[in-house]
Amino acid sequence: MDMLQRRLLWNVLPTVVVMAILYLAVWGDNGLVKQRELAADLAKTERRLESVRRENASLEREVARLRDDSASQRRAAAEELLLVPAHSTVFRFPDGTP
């Protein structure tokens, strides 16, 4: 191997290795781009989880109210099943009517 080939090998090879490492660090399977995407997905999932937890707490309060309060039970039956006391008037409007 002559001097030019040796110099080329020792100058080009490290450059190629460093560039490959940088490429993998930025765009590889565990690179910076992927980590940012995963962090954004995690934040979105945590927001959705918090929303579901709030909705669940609201539904648990409603269940407790329906279980313990007879007035709430009657109101829910009237709304959902149209079960109303005798001699009551029920007004039904088409969906979307203000």
PDB file of N, CA and C in Angstrom:
ATOM      1  N   MET A   1       0.838  -1.152   0.000  1.00  0.00           N
ATOM      2  CA  MET A   1       0.000   0.000   0.000  1.00  0.00           C
ATOM      3  C   MET A   1       0.902   1.240   0.000  1.00  0.00           C
ATOM      4  N   ASP A   2       0.674   2.076  -0.907  1.00  0.00           N
ATOM      5  CA  ASP A   2       1.514   3.266  -0.960  1.00  0.00           C
ATOM      6  C   ASP A   2       1.011   4.335  -0.006  1.00  0.00           C
ATOM      7  N   MET A   3       1.746   5.381   0.133  1.00  0.00           N
ATOM      8  CA  MET A   3       1.460   6.447   1.081  1.00  0.00           C
ATOM      9  C   MET A   3       0.115   7.121   0.831  1.00  0.00           C
ATOM     10  N   LEU A   4      -0.249   7.360  -0.410  1.00  0.00           N
ATOM     11  CA  LEU A   4      -1.517   8.011  -0.745  1.00  0.00           C
ATOM     12  C   LEU A   4      -2.706   7.145  -0.327  1.00  0.00           C
ATOM     13  N   GLN A   5      -2.628   5.868  -0.560  1.00  0.00           N
ATOM     14  CA  GLN A   5      -3.719   4.970  -0.178  1.00  0.00           C
ATOM     15  C   GLN A   5      -3.850   4.911   1.333  1.00  0.00           C
ATOM     16  N   ARG A   6      -2.716   4.876   2.043  1.00  0.00           N
ATOM     17  CA  ARG A   6      -2.758   4.842   3.495  1.00  0.00           C
ATOM     18  C   ARG A   6      -3.348   6.131   4.069  1.00  0.00           C
ATOM     19  N   ARG A   7      -2.962   7.260   3.537  1.00  0.00           N
ATOM     20  CA  ARG A   7      -3.513   8.543   4.002  1.00  0.00           C
ATOM     21  C   ARG A   7      -5.000   8.623   3.720  1.00  0.00           C
ATOM     22  N   LEU A   8      -5.403   8.156   2.540  1.00  0.00           N
ATOM     23  CA  LEU A   8      -6.815   8.160   2.178  1.00  0.00           C
ATOM     24  C   LEU A   8      -7.609   7.269   3.131  1.00  0.00           C
ATOM     25  N   LEU A   9      -7.080   6.089   3.436  1.00  0.00           N
ATOM     26  CA  LEU A   9      -7.741   5.158   4.351  1.00  0.00           C
ATOM     27  C   LEU A   9      -7.885   5.777   5.733  1.00  0.00           C
ATOM     28  N   TRP A  10      -6.849   6.404   6.240  1.00  0.00           N
ATOM     29  CA  TRP A  10      -6.882   6.956   7.594  1.00  0.00           C
ATOM     30  C   TRP A  10      -7.646   8.278   7.672  1.00  0.00           C
ATOM     31  N   ASN A  11      -7.902   8.919   6.571  1.00  0.00           N
ATOM     32  CA  ASN A  11      -8.688  10.150   6.587  1.00  0.00           C
ATOM     33  C   ASN A  11     -10.144   9.909   6.237  1.00  0.00           C
ATOM     34  N   VAL A  12     -10.406   9.036   5.299  1.00  0.00           N
ATOM     35  CA  VAL A  12     -11.777   8.796   4.848  1.00  0.00           C
ATOM     36  C   VAL A  12     -12.532   7.860   5.777  1.00  0.00           C
ATOM     37  N   LEU A  13     -11.885   6.787   6.213  1.00  0.00           N
ATOM     38  CA  LEU A  13     -12.551   5.798   7.054  1.00  0.00           C
ATOM     39  C   LEU A  13     -13.111   6.408   8.348  1.00  0.00           C
ATOM     40  N   PRO A  14     -12.349   7.174   9.103  1.00  0.00           N
ATOM     41  CA  PRO A  14     -12.929   7.780  10.314  1.00  0.00           C
ATOM     42  C   PRO A  14     -14.083   8.739   9.989  1.00  0.00           C
ATOM     43  N   THR A  15     -13.982   9.461   8.897  1.00  0.00           N
ATOM     44  CA  THR A  15     -15.050  10.373   8.510  1.00  0.00           C
ATOM     45  C   THR A  15     -16.330   9.607   8.208  1.00  0.00           C
ATOM     46  N   VAL A  16     -16.220   8.515   7.508  1.00  0.00           N
ATOM     47  CA  VAL A  16     -17.391   7.696   7.180  1.00  0.00           C
ATOM     48  C   VAL A  16     -17.998   7.114   8.455  1.00  0.00           C
ATOM     49  N   VAL A  17     -17.159   6.646   9.358  1.00  0.00           N
ATOM     50  CA  VAL A  17     -17.649   6.070  10.622  1.00  0.00           C
ATOM     51  C   VAL A  17     -18.377   7.132  11.443  1.00  0.00           C
ATOM     52  N   VAL A  18     -17.802   8.305  11.561  1.00  0.00           N
ATOM     53  CA  VAL A  18     -18.433   9.389  12.329  1.00  0.00           C
ATOM     54  C   VAL A  18     -19.759   9.797  11.689  1.00  0.00           C
ATOM     55  N   MET A  19     -19.797   9.876  10.375  1.00  0.00           N
ATOM     56  CA  MET A  19     -21.043  10.243   9.696  1.00  0.00           C
ATOM     57  C   MET A  19     -22.113   9.173   9.909  1.00  0.00           C
ATOM     58  N   ALA A  20     -21.734   7.918   9.891  1.00  0.00           N
ATOM     59  CA  ALA A  20     -22.694   6.836  10.126  1.00  0.00           C
ATOM     60  C   ALA A  20     -23.244   6.910  11.547  1.00  0.00           C
ATOM     61  N   ILE A  21     -22.355   7.179  12.504  1.00  0.00           N
ATOM     62  CA  ILE A  21     -22.801   7.298  13.899  1.00  0.00           C
ATOM     63  C   ILE A  21     -23.749   8.482  14.056  1.00  0.00           C
ATOM     64  N   LEU A  22     -23.425   9.608  13.453  1.00  0.00           N
ATOM     65  CA  LEU A  22     -24.308  10.778  13.522  1.00  0.00           C
ATOM     66  C   LEU A  22     -25.660  10.494  12.883  1.00  0.00           C
ATOM     67  N   TYR A  23     -25.645   9.822  11.738  1.00  0.00           N
ATOM     68  CA  TYR A  23     -26.907   9.485  11.071  1.00  0.00           C
ATOM     69  C   TYR A  23     -27.781   8.634  11.996  1.00  0.00           C
ATOM     70  N   LEU A  24     -27.185   7.597  12.593  1.00  0.00           N
ATOM     71  CA  LEU A  24     -27.952   6.733  13.485  1.00  0.00           C
ATOM     72  C   LEU A  24     -28.426   7.483  14.728  1.00  0.00           C
ATOM     73  N   ALA A  25     -27.602   8.411  15.236  1.00  0.00           N
ATOM     74  CA  ALA A  25     -27.983   9.163  16.428  1.00  0.00           C
ATOM     75  C   ALA A  25     -29.155  10.094  16.162  1.00  0.00           C
ATOM     76  N   VAL A  26     -29.281  10.584  14.956  1.00  0.00           N
ATOM     77  CA  VAL A  26     -30.351  11.522  14.648  1.00  0.00           C
ATOM     78  C   VAL A  26     -31.569  10.814  14.054  1.00  0.00           C
ATOM     79  N   TRP A  27     -31.355   9.962  13.055  1.00  0.00           N
ATOM     80  CA  TRP A  27     -32.486   9.378  12.328  1.00  0.00           C
ATOM     81  C   TRP A  27     -32.657   7.878  12.542  1.00  0.00           C
ATOM     82  N   GLY A  28     -31.867   7.251  13.360  1.00  0.00           N
ATOM     83  CA  GLY A  28     -31.955   5.812  13.581  1.00  0.00           C
ATOM     84  C   GLY A  28     -33.209   5.435  14.371  1.00  0.00           C
ATOM     85  N   ASP A  29     -33.357   4.142  14.646  1.00  0.00           N
ATOM     86  CA  ASP A  29     -34.531   3.641  15.362  1.00  0.00           C
ATOM     87  C   ASP A  29     -34.668   4.249  16.756  1.00  0.00           C
ATOM     88  N   ASN A  30     -33.569   4.560  17.394  1.00  0.00           N
ATOM     89  CA  ASN A  30     -33.597   5.186  18.720  1.00  0.00           C
ATOM     90  C   ASN A  30     -32.998   6.584  18.675  1.00  0.00           C
ATOM     91  N   GLY A  31     -33.055   7.225  17.526  1.00  0.00           N
ATOM     92  CA  GLY A  31     -32.451   8.534  17.337  1.00  0.00           C
ATOM     93  C   GLY A  31     -33.285   9.666  17.908  1.00  0.00           C
ATOM     94  N   LEU A  32     -32.749  10.859  17.767  1.00  0.00           N
ATOM     95  CA  LEU A  32     -33.411  12.042  18.316  1.00  0.00           C
ATOM     96  C   LEU A  32     -34.786  12.284  17.705  1.00  0.00           C
ATOM     97  N   VAL A  33     -34.917  12.063  16.414  1.00  0.00           N
ATOM     98  CA  VAL A  33     -36.206  12.286  15.751  1.00  0.00           C
ATOM     99  C   VAL A  33     -37.255  11.335  16.326  1.00  0.00           C
ATOM    100  N   LYS A  34     -36.900  10.080  16.484  1.00  0.00           N
ATOM    101  CA  LYS A  34     -37.832   9.088  17.029  1.00  0.00           C
ATOM    102  C   LYS A  34     -38.178   9.410  18.479  1.00  0.00           C
ATOM    103  N   GLN A  35     -37.196   9.851  19.253  1.00  0.00           N
ATOM    104  CA  GLN A  35     -37.449  10.199  20.650  1.00  0.00           C
ATOM    105  C   GLN A  35     -38.412  11.370  20.768  1.00  0.00           C
ATOM    106  N   ARG A  36     -38.279  12.358  19.896  1.00  0.00           N
ATOM    107  CA  ARG A  36     -39.215  13.495  19.922  1.00  0.00           C
ATOM    108  C   ARG A  36     -40.628  13.045  19.550  1.00  0.00           C
ATOM    109  N   GLU A  37     -40.744  12.176  18.561  1.00  0.00           N
ATOM    110  CA  GLU A  37     -42.061  11.649  18.183  1.00  0.00           C
ATOM    111  C   GLU A  37     -42.689  10.887  19.344  1.00  0.00           C
ATOM    112  N   LEU A  38     -41.891  10.055  20.011  1.00  0.00           N
ATOM    113  CA  LEU A  38     -42.406   9.289  21.145  1.00  0.00           C
ATOM    114  C   LEU A  38     -42.800  10.200  22.301  1.00  0.00           C
ATOM    115  N   ALA A  39     -42.028  11.254  22.539  1.00  0.00           N
ATOM    116  CA  ALA A  39     -42.366  12.198  23.606  1.00  0.00           C
ATOM    117  C   ALA A  39     -43.676  12.914  23.296  1.00  0.00           C
ATOM    118  N   ALA A  40     -43.882  13.279  22.038  1.00  0.00           N
ATOM    119  CA  ALA A  40     -45.137  13.930  21.646  1.00  0.00           C
ATOM    120  C   ALA A  40     -46.308  12.965  21.792  1.00  0.00           C
ATOM    121  N   ASP A  41     -46.117  11.711  21.386  1.00  0.00           N
ATOM    122  CA  ASP A  41     -47.168  10.708  21.540  1.00  0.00           C
ATOM    123  C   ASP A  41     -47.493  10.476  23.012  1.00  0.00           C
ATOM    124  N   LEU A  42     -46.469  10.440  23.846  1.00  0.00           N
ATOM    125  CA  LEU A  42     -46.680  10.247  25.276  1.00  0.00           C
ATOM    126  C   LEU A  42     -47.487  11.401  25.868  1.00  0.00           C
ATOM    127  N   ALA A  43     -47.140  12.623  25.512  1.00  0.00           N
ATOM    128  CA  ALA A  43     -47.872  13.789  26.024  1.00  0.00           C
ATOM    129  C   ALA A  43     -49.330  13.747  25.577  1.00  0.00           C
ATOM    130  N   LYS A  44     -49.553  13.391  24.326  1.00  0.00           N
ATOM    131  CA  LYS A  44     -50.924  13.296  23.813  1.00  0.00           C
ATOM    132  C   LYS A  44     -51.700  12.205  24.553  1.00  0.00           C
ATOM    133  N   THR A  45     -51.074  11.068  24.785  1.00  0.00           N
ATOM    134  CA  THR A  45     -51.721   9.970  25.493  1.00  0.00           C
ATOM    135  C   THR A  45     -52.015  10.343  26.936  1.00  0.00           C
ATOM    136  N   GLU A  46     -51.105  11.066  27.575  1.00  0.00           N
ATOM    137  CA  GLU A  46     -51.344  11.498  28.957  1.00  0.00           C
ATOM    138  C   GLU A  46     -52.509  12.476  29.038  1.00  0.00           C
ATOM    139  N   ARG A  47     -52.614  13.375  28.054  1.00  0.00           N
ATOM    140  CA  ARG A  47     -53.769  14.297  28.034  1.00  0.00           C
ATOM    141  C   ARG A  47     -55.070  13.520  27.853  1.00  0.00           C
ATOM    142  N   ARG A  48     -55.069  12.548  26.961  1.00  0.00           N
ATOM    143  CA  ARG A  48     -56.269  11.721  26.732  1.00  0.00           C
ATOM    144  C   ARG A  48     -56.620  10.930  27.991  1.00  0.00           C
ATOM    145  N   LEU A  49     -55.603  10.403  28.677  1.00  0.00           N
ATOM    146  CA  LEU A  49     -55.820   9.657  29.913  1.00  0.00           C
ATOM    147  C   LEU A  49     -56.466  10.548  30.970  1.00  0.00           C
ATOM    148  N   GLU A  50     -55.982  11.771  31.095  1.00  0.00           N
ATOM    149  CA  GLU A  50     -56.560  12.702  32.071  1.00  0.00           C
ATOM    150  C   GLU A  50     -58.015  13.003  31.725  1.00  0.00           C
ATOM    151  N   SER A  51     -58.304  13.166  30.448  1.00  0.00           N
ATOM    152  CA  SER A  51     -59.674  13.412  30.017  1.00  0.00           C
ATOM    153  C   SER A  51     -60.570  12.224  30.360  1.00  0.00           C
ATOM    154  N   VAL A  52     -60.087  11.028  30.125  1.00  0.00           N
ATOM    155  CA  VAL A  52     -60.867   9.825  30.425  1.00  0.00           C
ATOM    156  C   VAL A  52     -61.063   9.690  31.931  1.00  0.00           C
ATOM    157  N   ARG A  53     -60.047  10.035  32.706  1.00  0.00           N
ATOM    158  CA  ARG A  53     -60.188   9.976  34.166  1.00  0.00           C
ATOM    159  C   ARG A  53     -61.248  10.954  34.655  1.00  0.00           C
ATOM    160  N   ARG A  54     -61.266  12.174  34.087  1.00  0.00           N
ATOM    161  CA  ARG A  54     -62.299  13.144  34.483  1.00  0.00           C
ATOM    162  C   ARG A  54     -63.685  12.630  34.120  1.00  0.00           C
ATOM    163  N   GLU A  55     -63.821  12.076  32.918  1.00  0.00           N
ATOM    164  CA  GLU A  55     -65.106  11.538  32.492  1.00  0.00           C
ATOM    165  C   GLU A  55     -65.534  10.377  33.390  1.00  0.00           C
ATOM    166  N   ASN A  56     -64.595   9.528  33.753  1.00  0.00           N
ATOM    167  CA  ASN A  56     -64.888   8.400  34.628  1.00  0.00           C
ATOM    168  C   ASN A  56     -65.355   8.879  36.001  1.00  0.00           C
ATOM    169  N   ALA A  57     -64.694   9.896  36.546  1.00  0.00           N
ATOM    170  CA  ALA A  57     -65.103  10.445  37.844  1.00  0.00           C
ATOM    171  C   ALA A  57     -66.508  11.025  37.757  1.00  0.00           C
ATOM    172  N   SER A  58     -66.810  11.706  36.662  1.00  0.00           N
ATOM    173  CA  SER A  58     -68.145  12.260  36.477  1.00  0.00           C
ATOM    174  C   SER A  58     -69.192  11.157  36.415  1.00  0.00           C
ATOM    175  N   LEU A  59     -68.893  10.110  35.688  1.00  0.00           N
ATOM    176  CA  LEU A  59     -69.843   8.989  35.590  1.00  0.00           C
ATOM    177  C   LEU A  59     -70.001   8.276  36.931  1.00  0.00           C
ATOM    178  N   GLU A  60     -68.918   8.172  37.701  1.00  0.00           N
ATOM    179  CA  GLU A  60     -69.022   7.554  39.030  1.00  0.00           C
ATOM    180  C   GLU A  60     -69.912   8.389  39.945  1.00  0.00           C
ATOM    181  N   ARG A  61     -69.786   9.729  39.855  1.00  0.00           N
ATOM    182  CA  ARG A  61     -70.669  10.593  40.666  1.00  0.00           C
ATOM    183  C   ARG A  61     -72.122  10.416  40.246  1.00  0.00           C
ATOM    184  N   GLU A  62     -72.361  10.309  38.929  1.00  0.00           N
ATOM    185  CA  GLU A  62     -73.727  10.123  38.440  1.00  0.00           C
ATOM    186  C   GLU A  62     -74.303   8.796  38.908  1.00  0.00           C
ATOM    187  N   VAL A  63     -73.501   7.750  38.868  1.00  0.00           N
ATOM    188  CA  VAL A  63     -73.962   6.433  39.328  1.00  0.00           C
ATOM    189  C   VAL A  63     -74.311   6.493  40.811  1.00  0.00           C
ATOM    190  N   ALA A  64     -73.444   7.132  41.610  1.00  0.00           N
ATOM    191  CA  ALA A  64     -73.715   7.248  43.048  1.00  0.00           C
ATOM    192  C   ALA A  64     -74.997   8.040  43.296  1.00  0.00           C
ATOM    193  N   ARG A  65     -75.179   9.115  42.526  1.00  0.00           N
ATOM    194  CA  ARG A  65     -76.393   9.923  42.681  1.00  0.00           C
ATOM    195  C   ARG A  65     -77.630   9.115  42.312  1.00  0.00           C
ATOM    196  N   LEU A  66     -77.565   8.358  41.230  1.00  0.00           N
ATOM    197  CA  LEU A  66     -78.721   7.557  40.820  1.00  0.00           C
ATOM    198  C   LEU A  66     -78.990   6.428  41.807  1.00  0.00           C
ATOM    199  N   ARG A  67     -77.952   5.915  42.416  1.00  0.00           N
ATOM    200  CA  ARG A  67     -78.127   4.821  43.367  1.00  0.00           C
ATOM    201  C   ARG A  67     -78.758   5.315  44.663  1.00  0.00           C
ATOM    202  N   ASP A  68     -78.414   6.531  45.087  1.00  0.00           N
ATOM    203  CA  ASP A  68     -78.810   7.001  46.409  1.00  0.00           C
ATOM    204  C   ASP A  68     -79.983   7.975  46.417  1.00  0.00           C
ATOM    205  N   ASP A  69     -80.257   8.649  45.333  1.00  0.00           N
ATOM    206  CA  ASP A  69     -81.257   9.715  45.319  1.00  0.00           C
ATOM    207  C   ASP A  69     -82.454   9.290  44.474  1.00  0.00           C
ATOM    208  N   SER A  70     -83.597   9.147  45.134  1.00  0.00           N
ATOM    209  CA  SER A  70     -84.791   8.683  44.405  1.00  0.00           C
ATOM    210  C   SER A  70     -85.290   9.732  43.406  1.00  0.00           C
ATOM    211  N   ALA A  71     -85.092  11.011  43.694  1.00  0.00           N
ATOM    212  CA  ALA A  71     -85.511  12.047  42.744  1.00  0.00           C
ATOM    213  C   ALA A  71     -84.682  11.940  41.457  1.00  0.00           C
ATOM    214  N   SER A  72     -83.400  11.665  41.601  1.00  0.00           N
ATOM    215  CA  SER A  72     -82.558  11.479  40.421  1.00  0.00           C
ATOM    216  C   SER A  72     -82.985  10.246  39.636  1.00  0.00           C
ATOM    217  N   GLN A  73     -83.375   9.209  40.346  1.00  0.00           N
ATOM    218  CA  GLN A  73     -83.851   7.990  39.673  1.00  0.00           C
ATOM    219  C   GLN A  73     -85.106   8.274  38.863  1.00  0.00           C
ATOM    220  N   ARG A  74     -86.039   9.000  39.470  1.00  0.00           N
ATOM    221  CA  ARG A  74     -87.281   9.323  38.753  1.00  0.00           C
ATOM    222  C   ARG A  74     -86.995  10.205  37.540  1.00  0.00           C
ATOM    223  N   ARG A  75     -86.121  11.180  37.711  1.00  0.00           N
ATOM    224  CA  ARG A  75     -85.792  12.078  36.607  1.00  0.00           C
ATOM    225  C   ARG A  75     -85.125  11.299  35.463  1.00  0.00           C
ATOM    226  N   ALA A  76     -84.218  10.386  35.802  1.00  0.00           N
ATOM    227  CA  ALA A  76     -83.541   9.583  34.768  1.00  0.00           C
ATOM    228  C   ALA A  76     -84.537   8.669  34.064  1.00  0.00           C
ATOM    229  N   ALA A  77     -85.462   8.083  34.808  1.00  0.00           N
ATOM    230  CA  ALA A  77     -86.474   7.222  34.190  1.00  0.00           C
ATOM    231  C   ALA A  77     -87.371   8.033  33.273  1.00  0.00           C
ATOM    232  N   ALA A  78     -87.718   9.240  33.696  1.00  0.00           N
ATOM    233  CA  ALA A  78     -88.569  10.086  32.862  1.00  0.00           C
ATOM    234  C   ALA A  78     -87.849  10.476  31.573  1.00  0.00           C
ATOM    235  N   GLU A  79     -86.587  10.785  31.661  1.00  0.00           N
ATOM    236  CA  GLU A  79     -85.838  11.209  30.476  1.00  0.00           C
ATOM    237  C   GLU A  79     -85.548  10.049  29.535  1.00  0.00           C
ATOM    238  N   GLU A  80     -85.113   8.938  30.076  1.00  0.00           N
ATOM    239  CA  GLU A  80     -84.660   7.833  29.232  1.00  0.00           C
ATOM    240  C   GLU A  80     -85.798   6.925  28.775  1.00  0.00           C
ATOM    241  N   LEU A  81     -86.719   6.629  29.656  1.00  0.00           N
ATOM    242  CA  LEU A  81     -87.749   5.639  29.347  1.00  0.00           C
ATOM    243  C   LEU A  81     -89.135   6.246  29.165  1.00  0.00           C
ATOM    244  N   LEU A  82     -89.211   7.562  29.297  1.00  0.00           N
ATOM    245  CA  LEU A  82     -90.496   8.270  29.229  1.00  0.00           C
ATOM    246  C   LEU A  82     -91.496   7.726  30.242  1.00  0.00           C
ATOM    247  N   LEU A  83     -90.990   7.353  31.403  1.00  0.00           N
ATOM    248  CA  LEU A  83     -91.847   6.921  32.507  1.00  0.00           C
ATOM    249  C   LEU A  83     -92.149   8.152  33.351  1.00  0.00           C
ATOM    250  N   VAL A  84     -93.372   8.608  33.288  1.00  0.00           N
ATOM    251  CA  VAL A  84     -93.764   9.807  34.026  1.00  0.00           C
ATOM    252  C   VAL A  84     -94.974   9.480  34.878  1.00  0.00           C
ATOM    253  N   PRO A  85     -95.172  10.245  35.917  1.00  0.00           N
ATOM    254  CA  PRO A  85     -96.346  10.009  36.766  1.00  0.00           C
ATOM    255  C   PRO A  85     -97.645  10.192  35.973  1.00  0.00           C
ATOM    256  N   ALA A  86     -98.692   9.587  36.469  1.00  0.00           N
ATOM    257  CA  ALA A  86    -100.002   9.704  35.830  1.00  0.00           C
ATOM    258  C   ALA A  86    -100.424  11.161  35.769  1.00  0.00           C
ATOM    259  N   HIS A  87    -101.163  11.499  34.738  1.00  0.00           N
ATOM    260  CA  HIS A  87    -101.694  12.842  34.510  1.00  0.00           C
ATOM    261  C   HIS A  87    -100.587  13.870  34.262  1.00  0.00           C
ATOM    262  N   SER A  88     -99.460  13.419  33.750  1.00  0.00           N
ATOM    263  CA  SER A  88     -98.375  14.336  33.399  1.00  0.00           C
ATOM    264  C   SER A  88     -98.370  14.537  31.899  1.00  0.00           C
ATOM    265  N   THR A  89     -97.851  15.663  31.477  1.00  0.00           N
ATOM    266  CA  THR A  89     -97.752  15.959  30.056  1.00  0.00           C
ATOM    267  C   THR A  89     -96.298  15.822  29.631  1.00  0.00           C
ATOM    268  N   VAL A  90     -96.090  15.155  28.517  1.00  0.00           N
ATOM    269  CA  VAL A  90     -94.735  14.963  27.997  1.00  0.00           C
ATOM    270  C   VAL A  90     -94.638  15.709  26.680  1.00  0.00           C
ATOM    271  N   PHE A  91     -93.650  16.552  26.571  1.00  0.00           N
ATOM    272  CA  PHE A  91     -93.385  17.259  25.324  1.00  0.00           C
ATOM    273  C   PHE A  91     -92.170  16.622  24.671  1.00  0.00           C
ATOM    274  N   ARG A  92     -92.305  16.174  23.426  1.00  0.00           N
ATOM    275  CA  ARG A  92     -91.197  15.569  22.692  1.00  0.00           C
ATOM    276  C   ARG A  92     -90.932  16.412  21.465  1.00  0.00           C
ATOM    277  N   PHE A  93     -89.674  16.760  21.289  1.00  0.00           N
ATOM    278  CA  PHE A  93     -89.263  17.574  20.159  1.00  0.00           C
ATOM    279  C   PHE A  93     -88.311  16.765  19.279  1.00  0.00           C
ATOM    280  N   PRO A  94     -88.343  17.011  17.979  1.00  0.00           N
ATOM    281  CA  PRO A  94     -87.384  16.306  17.124  1.00  0.00           C
ATOM    282  C   PRO A  94     -85.955  16.693  17.478  1.00  0.00           C
ATOM    283  N   ASP A  95     -85.020  15.781  17.212  1.00  0.00           N
ATOM    284  CA  ASP A  95     -83.603  16.060  17.491  1.00  0.00           C
ATOM    285  C   ASP A  95     -83.161  17.292  16.724  1.00  0.00           C
ATOM    286  N   GLY A  96     -82.356  18.095  17.368  1.00  0.00           N
ATOM    287  CA  GLY A  96     -81.820  19.285  16.730  1.00  0.00           C
ATOM    288  C   GLY A  96     -82.695  20.515  16.892  1.00  0.00           C
ATOM    289  N   THR A  97     -83.845  20.367  17.525  1.00  0.00           N
ATOM    290  CA  THR A  97     -84.712  21.512  17.761  1.00  0.00           C
ATOM    291  C   THR A  97     -84.192  22.284  18.964  1.00  0.00           C
ATOM    292  N   PRO A  98     -83.994  23.591  18.829  1.00  0.00           N
ATOM    293  CA  PRO A  98     -83.465  24.361  19.977  1.00  0.00           C
ATOM    294  C   PRO A  98     -84.464  24.510  21.080  1.00  0.00           C
TER     295      PRO A  98
END
